[in-house]
Amino acid sequence: MRNATGQVSPLLLILLALGFFFATYNLVTMIMHNRSVGKWMRDDSDGGLFFDPVIERPEDAKRPNAVKMPFHVALTATDAPYSKWQCRIMYYWYKKQKDMPGSEMGGFTRILHSGNPDNLMDEIPTMVVDPLPPGLDQGYVVLNRPWAFVQWLQKANIEEDYILMAEPDHVFVNPVPNLAHGDYPAAFPFFYIKPKENEKLVRKYYPEEKGPVTNVDPIGNSPVIIKKVLLEKIAPTWMNVSLKMKADPETDKTFGWVLEMYAYAVASALHGVQHILRKDFMLQPPWDLETGKKFIIHYTYGCDYSLKGELTYGKIGEWRFDKRSYLRGPPPRNHPLPPPGVPESVVTLVKMVNEATANIPNWDA
């Protein structure tokens, strides 16, 4: 669009400028939405500013519905009765949700790190791997998890390009889509994983030259949906960092039962991998009150209530559902429903457990 002298029209220049502005604005908006729960922080080393890299998936990055990116569900487990009954419930709900609309759940593997087959081999797709050498886990059984993934990734023929790392006490309450986005895995943020508050310890394994400590995400390895090729890189580092942390008395004492979770977060950061943090990935009764559109119920906490529906956490309630009540065998079928006034999330959990136990053959055995 030129005028009589052959020069570009001022109107066209204005339109081009506006187009560039809005394109730039949209890009910046997407990035800031991507980091919407982060904040600017000052780096004491040079006085500069950096952005706390907490990542949320931008709406603009959602894939068309026709594009499917299935992920393989990988569940690490032991052969203890406590682990077995949880795995059976978990696998029941995986099968129920797998083919529902919106699901991108692919194959399933229980990675059994006991070293020997058990009586669930025919019921649940399972690969047996070796535990750590005797004494190396120092009684911390979870330390076998990264080693189990290393072995599984080396041995298994996994068709899917993505993997969901899950745990026995997960129940799929809704069909799970692939929440990852390319090289950005999706993870659930845990309020008690605090790399910044534990910077002194984290720096033993994630040195300052690697970047700000906020590069270490507030996550564990589960639930995480991640590209298989990324997990193949991270898993050996995750195993090594876990062992180093366990061997360090100060780290072991401070991190305790979440040590392996910190190790995964650190290992990911060492490989430059940051996660999309999805609070809707999982809910944890009794603290999360509603199921809503969340995807996984994690029943790690005991649910104790009075008959008036009042939470009595830390004190055995007149009504309770706590997985630790069933260390030596499965919970009975038809567990009593909670009294009126108990949150929907707890009611849903018990109903889902009851449905699974009613339909799984030979449950009481």
Protein backbone atom coordinates (compact mmCIF):
# COMPACT_ATOMS: atom_id res chain seq x y z
CA MET A 1 0.00 0.00 0.00
CA ARG A 2 1.95 2.98 -1.34
CA ASN A 3 1.05 6.59 -2.08
CA ALA A 4 1.56 8.47 -5.35
CA THR A 5 5.27 9.05 -4.66
CA GLY A 6 5.88 5.32 -4.18
CA GLN A 7 6.39 5.56 -0.44
CA VAL A 8 4.79 3.17 2.04
CA SER A 9 1.54 4.55 3.39
CA PRO A 10 1.71 5.77 7.02
CA LEU A 11 -1.52 3.86 7.64
CA LEU A 12 0.16 0.60 6.60
CA LEU A 13 3.11 1.34 8.89
CA ILE A 14 0.71 1.92 11.77
CA LEU A 15 -1.13 -1.34 11.03
CA LEU A 16 2.16 -3.26 10.83
CA ALA A 17 3.30 -1.74 14.10
CA LEU A 18 0.03 -2.64 15.78
CA GLY A 19 0.27 -6.19 14.45
CA PHE A 20 3.81 -6.53 15.84
CA PHE A 21 2.68 -5.10 19.17
CA PHE A 22 -0.20 -7.53 19.60
CA ALA A 23 1.89 -10.51 18.49
CA THR A 24 4.55 -9.55 21.04
CA TYR A 25 1.91 -8.89 23.68
CA ASN A 26 0.32 -12.30 23.15
CA LEU A 27 3.70 -14.02 23.41
CA VAL A 28 4.60 -12.17 26.60
CA THR A 29 1.11 -12.81 28.01
CA MET A 30 1.47 -16.53 27.31
CA ILE A 31 4.88 -16.64 28.99
CA MET A 32 3.67 -14.73 32.03
CA HIS A 33 0.61 -16.99 32.29
CA ASN A 34 3.04 -19.85 31.98
CA ARG A 35 4.82 -18.49 35.03
CA SER A 36 1.74 -17.03 36.69
CA VAL A 37 2.33 -18.50 40.13
CA GLY A 38 5.98 -17.48 40.28
CA LYS A 39 7.46 -14.22 41.41
CA TRP A 40 10.49 -12.05 40.76
CA MET A 41 13.30 -12.61 43.24
CA ARG A 42 16.70 -11.06 43.84
CA ASP A 43 19.85 -13.09 43.35
CA ASP A 44 22.17 -12.20 46.23
CA SER A 45 25.22 -13.23 44.21
CA ASP A 46 25.02 -10.38 41.70
CA GLY A 47 22.05 -8.28 42.75
CA GLY A 48 20.13 -9.14 39.60
CA LEU A 49 16.58 -10.35 39.32
CA PHE A 50 15.41 -13.75 38.24
CA PHE A 51 11.97 -15.27 37.91
CA ASP A 52 10.97 -18.07 40.22
CA PRO A 53 10.35 -20.72 37.55
CA VAL A 54 7.04 -22.16 38.65
CA ILE A 55 5.38 -23.16 35.42
CA GLU A 56 1.74 -23.59 34.60
CA ARG A 57 0.54 -24.78 31.23
CA PRO A 58 -0.77 -21.87 29.11
CA GLU A 59 -4.26 -22.25 27.67
CA ASP A 60 -2.86 -21.41 24.22
CA ALA A 61 -0.68 -24.52 24.37
CA LYS A 62 -3.56 -26.98 24.53
CA ARG A 63 -3.58 -29.53 21.74
CA PRO A 64 -6.50 -30.04 19.35
CA ASN A 65 -8.85 -32.76 20.58
CA ALA A 66 -8.03 -34.95 17.59
CA VAL A 67 -4.35 -35.18 18.53
CA LYS A 68 -3.82 -38.00 21.02
CA MET A 69 -0.60 -38.45 22.99
CA PRO A 70 -1.02 -41.62 25.07
CA PHE A 71 1.11 -42.22 28.13
CA HIS A 72 2.12 -45.45 29.85
CA VAL A 73 1.10 -45.80 33.50
CA ALA A 74 4.03 -47.10 35.56
CA LEU A 75 3.44 -48.14 39.15
CA THR A 76 6.27 -49.15 41.49
CA ALA A 77 5.33 -51.63 44.19
CA THR A 78 6.50 -54.25 46.67
CA ASP A 79 5.08 -57.72 47.30
CA ALA A 80 3.83 -56.81 50.80
CA PRO A 81 0.08 -57.34 51.41
CA TYR A 82 -0.22 -53.59 52.16
CA SER A 83 1.08 -52.76 48.69
CA LYS A 84 -0.83 -55.51 46.91
CA TRP A 85 -4.37 -54.50 47.88
CA GLN A 86 -3.68 -50.89 46.97
CA CYS A 87 -2.33 -51.94 43.57
CA ARG A 88 -5.46 -54.00 42.90
CA ILE A 89 -7.75 -51.03 43.60
CA MET A 90 -5.53 -48.72 41.58
CA TYR A 91 -5.51 -51.08 38.57
CA TYR A 92 -9.29 -51.55 38.76
CA TRP A 93 -9.85 -47.80 38.36
CA TYR A 94 -7.19 -47.53 35.67
CA LYS A 95 -9.20 -50.03 33.59
CA LYS A 96 -12.43 -48.14 34.27
CA GLN A 97 -11.02 -44.76 33.21
CA LYS A 98 -8.68 -45.82 30.41
CA ASP A 99 -11.21 -45.81 27.58
CA MET A 100 -13.42 -42.99 28.83
CA PRO A 101 -13.74 -39.77 26.79
CA GLY A 102 -10.82 -37.43 27.45
CA SER A 103 -8.47 -40.19 28.56
CA GLU A 104 -5.02 -40.57 27.04
CA MET A 105 -4.05 -43.44 29.31
CA GLY A 106 -2.14 -46.11 27.42
CA GLY A 107 -0.57 -49.31 28.70
CA PHE A 108 0.07 -50.23 32.32
CA THR A 109 2.98 -51.81 34.17
CA ARG A 110 3.38 -52.64 37.83
CA ILE A 111 7.15 -52.48 38.42
CA LEU A 112 7.61 -55.02 41.20
CA HIS A 113 10.94 -54.34 42.93
CA SER A 114 10.90 -57.38 45.20
CA GLY A 115 13.05 -59.43 42.80
CA ASN A 116 10.52 -62.30 42.64
CA PRO A 117 7.12 -62.87 41.00
CA ASP A 118 4.03 -62.81 43.22
CA ASN A 119 0.42 -63.94 43.01
CA LEU A 120 -0.78 -60.82 41.13
CA MET A 121 1.24 -61.49 37.98
CA ASP A 122 -1.80 -62.78 36.09
CA GLU A 123 -4.10 -60.02 37.34
CA ILE A 124 -1.92 -56.95 36.78
CA PRO A 125 0.65 -56.46 33.97
CA THR A 126 3.92 -56.69 35.89
CA MET A 127 7.65 -56.57 35.34
CA VAL A 128 9.86 -57.91 38.13
CA VAL A 129 13.06 -56.00 38.83
CA ASP A 130 15.72 -56.32 41.49
CA PRO A 131 15.72 -54.45 44.79
CA LEU A 132 18.80 -52.55 45.89
CA PRO A 133 21.56 -54.69 47.41
CA PRO A 134 20.78 -55.67 51.02
CA GLY A 135 21.28 -52.85 53.49
CA LEU A 136 21.69 -50.10 50.89
CA ASP A 137 18.20 -48.70 51.42
CA GLN A 138 18.76 -48.62 55.22
CA GLY A 139 15.15 -49.61 55.76
CA TYR A 140 13.84 -46.81 53.54
CA VAL A 141 11.96 -48.97 51.02
CA VAL A 142 11.07 -46.03 48.77
CA LEU A 143 14.75 -45.76 47.85
CA ASN A 144 14.15 -48.75 45.59
CA ARG A 145 11.82 -46.69 43.38
CA PRO A 146 14.43 -44.86 41.25
CA TRP A 147 16.46 -48.05 40.87
CA ALA A 148 13.29 -49.85 39.77
CA PHE A 149 12.66 -47.23 37.09
CA VAL A 150 16.25 -47.45 35.84
CA GLN A 151 15.90 -51.21 35.36
CA TRP A 152 12.42 -51.01 33.82
CA LEU A 153 13.42 -48.36 31.29
CA GLN A 154 16.39 -50.49 30.25
CA LYS A 155 14.45 -53.75 29.90
CA ALA A 156 10.90 -52.88 28.87
CA ASN A 157 9.51 -52.31 25.40
CA ILE A 158 7.39 -49.23 26.05
CA GLU A 159 5.26 -48.21 23.07
CA GLU A 160 4.14 -44.83 24.39
CA ASP A 161 6.35 -41.73 24.22
CA TYR A 162 5.18 -40.52 27.64
CA ILE A 163 5.07 -42.12 31.08
CA LEU A 164 2.92 -41.41 34.12
CA MET A 165 4.76 -42.35 37.30
CA ALA A 166 2.12 -43.40 39.83
CA GLU A 167 1.84 -45.01 43.26
CA PRO A 168 -0.33 -47.77 44.76
CA ASP A 169 -2.46 -45.35 46.81
CA HIS A 170 -3.66 -43.48 43.72
CA VAL A 171 -7.25 -43.81 42.50
CA PHE A 172 -8.11 -42.42 39.07
CA VAL A 173 -11.23 -40.41 39.82
CA ASN A 174 -11.49 -38.94 36.31
CA PRO A 175 -10.04 -39.92 32.91
CA VAL A 176 -6.51 -38.52 32.72
CA PRO A 177 -5.37 -36.59 29.64
CA ASN A 178 -1.70 -36.07 28.82
CA LEU A 179 -0.98 -32.97 30.92
CA ALA A 180 2.62 -32.67 29.72
CA HIS A 181 3.61 -30.27 26.96
CA GLY A 182 6.59 -31.37 24.89
CA ASP A 183 9.73 -31.25 27.00
CA TYR A 184 7.80 -29.81 29.95
CA PRO A 185 6.56 -32.70 32.13
CA ALA A 186 3.48 -32.21 34.29
CA ALA A 187 3.69 -32.68 38.05
CA PHE A 188 1.70 -32.07 41.21
CA PRO A 189 3.19 -29.41 43.55
CA PHE A 190 3.56 -30.57 47.16
CA PHE A 191 3.33 -27.89 49.83
CA TYR A 192 5.95 -29.65 51.98
CA ILE A 193 8.68 -29.82 49.30
CA LYS A 194 10.49 -26.52 49.88
CA PRO A 195 13.82 -26.29 48.04
CA LYS A 196 14.24 -22.58 48.84
CA GLU A 197 13.78 -23.09 52.58
CA ASN A 198 16.25 -26.00 52.46
CA GLU A 199 18.74 -24.31 50.15
CA LYS A 200 21.75 -25.21 52.28
CA LEU A 201 21.05 -28.91 51.86
CA VAL A 202 19.85 -28.70 48.27
CA ARG A 203 23.10 -26.96 47.29
CA LYS A 204 25.03 -30.07 48.29
CA TYR A 205 23.50 -31.75 45.25
CA TYR A 206 22.54 -28.77 43.06
CA PRO A 207 25.54 -26.41 43.09
CA GLU A 208 25.19 -22.66 42.57
CA GLU A 209 26.74 -22.74 39.10
CA LYS A 210 23.74 -24.77 37.94
CA GLY A 211 21.40 -21.86 38.58
CA PRO A 212 19.01 -20.50 41.22
CA VAL A 213 17.65 -22.98 43.73
CA THR A 214 14.16 -22.18 42.47
CA ASN A 215 15.01 -24.28 39.41
CA VAL A 216 14.34 -27.22 41.74
CA ASP A 217 10.59 -27.76 41.51
CA PRO A 218 8.44 -28.43 44.63
CA ILE A 219 7.54 -31.94 43.49
CA GLY A 220 8.23 -35.63 43.83
CA ASN A 221 8.39 -38.18 41.07
CA SER A 222 4.73 -39.03 41.41
CA PRO A 223 2.41 -38.10 39.94
CA VAL A 224 4.44 -36.95 36.96
CA ILE A 225 3.72 -37.30 33.24
CA ILE A 226 7.01 -37.07 31.37
CA LYS A 227 8.55 -37.90 28.03
CA LYS A 228 10.16 -41.32 28.11
CA VAL A 229 13.43 -39.97 26.65
CA LEU A 230 13.65 -37.40 29.45
CA LEU A 231 12.97 -39.95 32.16
CA GLU A 232 15.66 -42.22 30.71
CA LYS A 233 18.14 -39.37 31.32
CA ILE A 234 16.83 -38.36 34.73
CA ALA A 235 16.33 -41.79 36.31
CA PRO A 236 20.01 -42.76 36.85
CA THR A 237 20.73 -39.31 38.30
CA TRP A 238 17.65 -39.58 40.49
CA MET A 239 18.93 -42.91 41.82
CA ASN A 240 22.43 -41.58 42.50
CA VAL A 241 21.18 -38.40 44.19
CA SER A 242 18.81 -40.48 46.35
CA LEU A 243 21.67 -42.68 47.55
CA LYS A 244 23.91 -39.67 48.23
CA MET A 245 21.15 -37.96 50.21
CA LYS A 246 20.48 -41.09 52.24
CA ALA A 247 24.19 -41.47 53.00
CA ASP A 248 24.39 -37.89 54.32
CA PRO A 249 23.13 -37.83 57.95
CA GLU A 250 22.09 -34.17 57.87
CA THR A 251 20.09 -34.55 54.63
CA ASP A 252 18.59 -37.85 55.75
CA LYS A 253 17.44 -36.41 59.07
CA THR A 254 15.98 -33.24 57.54
CA PHE A 255 14.20 -34.72 54.53
CA GLY A 256 13.11 -37.96 56.19
CA TRP A 257 10.34 -39.81 54.35
CA VAL A 258 10.30 -37.26 51.48
CA LEU A 259 14.02 -37.64 50.73
CA GLU A 260 13.45 -39.53 47.49
CA MET A 261 11.00 -36.81 46.37
CA TYR A 262 13.66 -34.14 46.82
CA ALA A 263 16.09 -36.36 44.93
CA TYR A 264 13.80 -36.51 41.90
CA ALA A 265 13.29 -32.74 41.95
CA VAL A 266 17.04 -32.14 42.15
CA ALA A 267 17.83 -34.70 39.46
CA SER A 268 15.34 -33.05 37.09
CA ALA A 269 16.88 -29.64 37.70
CA LEU A 270 20.37 -31.02 37.07
CA HIS A 271 19.15 -32.05 33.63
CA GLY A 272 17.52 -28.66 33.01
CA VAL A 273 14.01 -30.11 33.17
CA GLN A 274 11.26 -28.00 34.69
CA HIS A 275 7.72 -29.17 35.27
CA ILE A 276 4.29 -27.72 34.59
CA LEU A 277 2.75 -27.57 38.04
CA ARG A 278 -0.83 -28.82 38.00
CA LYS A 279 -2.76 -28.49 41.24
CA ASP A 280 -5.67 -30.24 39.55
CA PHE A 281 -3.53 -33.33 38.96
CA MET A 282 -4.36 -34.74 42.38
CA LEU A 283 -6.39 -34.24 45.54
CA GLN A 284 -5.57 -35.48 49.03
CA PRO A 285 -8.46 -36.14 51.45
CA PRO A 286 -9.28 -35.06 54.07
CA TRP A 287 -7.61 -31.72 53.32
CA ASP A 288 -9.00 -31.34 49.81
CA LEU A 289 -12.74 -31.25 50.29
CA GLU A 290 -14.06 -31.67 46.73
CA THR A 291 -13.21 -33.99 43.88
CA GLY A 292 -14.33 -31.63 41.14
CA LYS A 293 -12.42 -32.05 37.89
CA LYS A 294 -9.25 -33.37 39.51
CA PHE A 295 -7.75 -36.58 38.20
CA ILE A 296 -6.26 -38.64 41.04
CA ILE A 297 -7.29 -39.22 44.65
CA HIS A 298 -4.21 -39.80 46.79
CA TYR A 299 -5.30 -41.40 50.06
CA THR A 300 -2.04 -41.08 51.94
CA TYR A 301 -3.63 -39.28 54.92
CA GLY A 302 -5.92 -40.94 57.40
CA CYS A 303 -9.54 -39.76 57.43
CA ASP A 304 -10.90 -39.63 60.99
CA TYR A 305 -14.26 -38.10 61.90
CA SER A 306 -16.72 -37.98 64.75
CA LEU A 307 -20.24 -39.24 64.13
CA LYS A 308 -21.20 -35.57 63.78
CA GLY A 309 -18.94 -35.32 60.73
CA GLU A 310 -16.20 -33.36 62.52
CA LEU A 311 -12.58 -34.00 61.51
CA THR A 312 -10.48 -35.46 64.33
CA TYR A 313 -7.16 -35.66 62.48
CA GLY A 314 -4.39 -37.04 64.69
CA LYS A 315 -6.95 -38.80 66.87
CA ILE A 316 -8.72 -42.02 65.91
CA GLY A 317 -12.25 -41.05 64.96
CA GLU A 318 -15.55 -42.78 65.61
CA TRP A 319 -15.53 -43.25 61.84
CA ARG A 320 -12.28 -43.69 59.99
CA PHE A 321 -10.67 -44.78 56.76
CA ASP A 322 -6.90 -45.05 56.97
CA LYS A 323 -4.85 -47.27 54.69
CA ARG A 324 -2.45 -47.95 57.57
CA SER A 325 -5.20 -49.84 59.36
CA TYR A 326 -4.65 -52.60 56.79
CA LEU A 327 -0.93 -53.29 56.81
CA ARG A 328 -1.28 -57.08 56.88
CA GLY A 329 -4.25 -57.59 54.63
CA PRO A 330 -6.93 -55.86 52.56
CA PRO A 331 -9.74 -53.75 53.97
CA PRO A 332 -13.09 -55.57 54.11
CA ARG A 333 -15.63 -55.17 51.37
CA ASN A 334 -18.43 -52.65 51.87
CA HIS A 335 -16.60 -50.29 54.20
CA PRO A 336 -19.17 -48.16 56.06
CA LEU A 337 -19.76 -44.78 54.44
CA PRO A 338 -18.83 -41.71 56.50
CA PRO A 339 -21.45 -39.90 58.58
CA PRO A 340 -23.33 -36.85 57.26
CA GLY A 341 -21.25 -33.69 57.03
CA VAL A 342 -18.02 -35.39 55.93
CA PRO A 343 -16.51 -33.78 52.78
CA GLU A 344 -17.45 -35.08 49.35
CA SER A 345 -13.85 -36.10 48.61
CA VAL A 346 -13.84 -38.60 51.49
CA VAL A 347 -17.25 -39.98 50.55
CA THR A 348 -16.12 -40.42 46.94
CA LEU A 349 -12.93 -42.19 48.01
CA VAL A 350 -14.79 -44.73 50.16
CA LYS A 351 -17.40 -45.34 47.46
CA MET A 352 -14.65 -45.96 44.90
CA VAL A 353 -12.81 -48.32 47.24
CA ASN A 354 -16.08 -50.18 47.88
CA GLU A 355 -16.85 -50.49 44.17
CA ALA A 356 -13.39 -51.90 43.48
CA THR A 357 -13.43 -54.38 46.34
CA ALA A 358 -16.93 -55.55 45.38
CA ASN A 359 -15.83 -56.34 41.82
CA ILE A 360 -12.27 -57.63 42.21
CA PRO A 361 -12.37 -61.45 42.33
CA ASN A 362 -11.05 -63.20 45.45
CA TRP A 363 -10.69 -59.90 47.25
CA ASP A 364 -10.61 -61.31 50.75
CA ALA A 365 -7.94 -63.82 49.75
